[in-house]
Protein backbone atom coordinates (compact mmCIF):
# COMPACT_ATOMS: atom_id res chain seq x y z
CA MET A 1 99.17 -43.93 94.43
CA SER A 2 99.13 -41.74 91.37
CA LEU A 3 101.13 -42.41 88.22
CA ARG A 4 103.27 -39.40 89.03
CA GLN A 5 104.09 -40.70 92.51
CA SER A 6 104.86 -44.13 91.09
CA GLY A 7 107.19 -42.60 88.49
CA GLU A 8 108.96 -40.51 91.12
CA GLN A 9 109.52 -43.56 93.30
CA ASN A 10 110.88 -45.47 90.30
CA LEU A 11 113.34 -42.66 89.54
CA GLU A 12 114.38 -42.52 93.19
CA ALA A 13 114.96 -46.29 93.26
CA ARG A 14 117.02 -46.11 90.05
CA ALA A 15 119.10 -43.25 91.45
CA LEU A 16 119.68 -45.17 94.67
CA SER A 17 120.73 -48.19 92.64
CA GLU A 18 123.24 -46.10 90.67
CA ARG A 19 124.51 -44.58 93.93
CA GLU A 20 124.91 -48.06 95.44
CA LYS A 21 126.90 -49.20 92.40
CA ALA A 22 129.17 -46.16 92.68
CA LEU A 23 129.70 -46.73 96.41
CA TYR A 24 130.54 -50.36 95.83
CA LYS A 25 133.07 -49.44 93.13
CA ALA A 26 134.60 -46.83 95.46
CA SER A 27 134.98 -49.47 98.19
CA GLN A 28 136.83 -51.71 95.74
CA ILE A 29 139.22 -48.88 94.82
CA PHE A 30 139.68 -48.07 98.52
CA GLU A 31 140.59 -51.70 99.15
CA LEU A 32 143.19 -51.75 96.38
CA LYS A 33 144.74 -48.33 96.89
CA VAL A 34 144.54 -47.81 100.67
CA VAL A 35 143.80 -50.93 102.71
CA SER A 36 146.47 -52.97 100.98
CA HIS A 37 149.12 -50.74 102.62
CA PHE A 38 148.05 -51.68 106.14
CA THR A 39 149.43 -54.96 107.46
CA ASN A 40 149.51 -56.70 110.81
CA LEU A 41 146.72 -54.58 112.26
CA ASN A 42 143.78 -56.00 114.16
CA ASP A 43 141.37 -53.10 114.58
CA ALA A 44 139.74 -50.60 112.23
CA LEU A 45 137.26 -47.78 112.79
CA ASP A 46 134.97 -46.53 110.02
CA VAL A 47 133.69 -43.10 111.04
CA GLY A 48 130.70 -41.88 109.03
CA THR A 49 130.01 -45.36 107.68
CA GLY A 50 126.95 -44.36 105.65
CA SER A 51 126.08 -47.36 103.48
CA GLY A 52 128.64 -49.56 105.23
CA TYR A 53 130.60 -50.54 102.11
CA THR A 54 133.88 -49.36 103.59
CA ALA A 55 133.24 -51.22 106.84
CA PHE A 56 132.48 -54.44 105.00
CA THR A 57 135.61 -53.99 102.89
CA LEU A 58 137.63 -53.52 106.06
CA THR A 59 136.27 -56.80 107.51
CA LYS A 60 138.23 -58.66 104.85
CA HIS A 61 141.50 -57.29 106.23
CA PHE A 62 141.01 -56.57 109.93
CA LYS A 63 140.00 -58.79 112.82
CA ASN A 64 137.73 -56.17 114.43
CA VAL A 65 135.84 -53.42 112.62
CA VAL A 66 133.65 -50.82 114.31
CA SER A 67 131.53 -48.53 112.16
CA ILE A 68 129.68 -45.46 113.39
CA ASP A 69 127.47 -42.82 111.84
CA SER A 70 125.40 -39.99 113.28
CA ASP A 71 122.70 -40.30 110.59
CA GLU A 72 119.97 -42.61 111.87
CA LYS A 73 118.63 -43.08 108.32
CA CYS A 74 121.96 -44.50 107.16
CA LEU A 75 122.20 -46.82 110.12
CA LYS A 76 118.65 -48.06 109.63
CA MET A 77 119.27 -48.75 105.92
CA ARG A 78 122.46 -50.58 106.76
CA ARG A 79 120.79 -52.73 109.44
CA ASN A 80 117.98 -53.66 107.05
CA LYS A 81 120.39 -54.44 104.23
CA TYR A 82 122.85 -56.69 106.04
């Protein structure tokens, strides 16, 4: 691996990390501003789950959560992460 390739991978990893932080923060805001208004519900569906942060936030408040996404890359990353 060349120094250039190594540097590019490092930048990509840093960008992903910043993206992950932003997604996590968004899921916290979603929980406070949206989910808190839903009560006495058992089921939730997260369409376009992507990283899965919303789905995992929903699991704190709903008995059953189903998350779907058409992007295989997102699903693979999510499976490997959790």
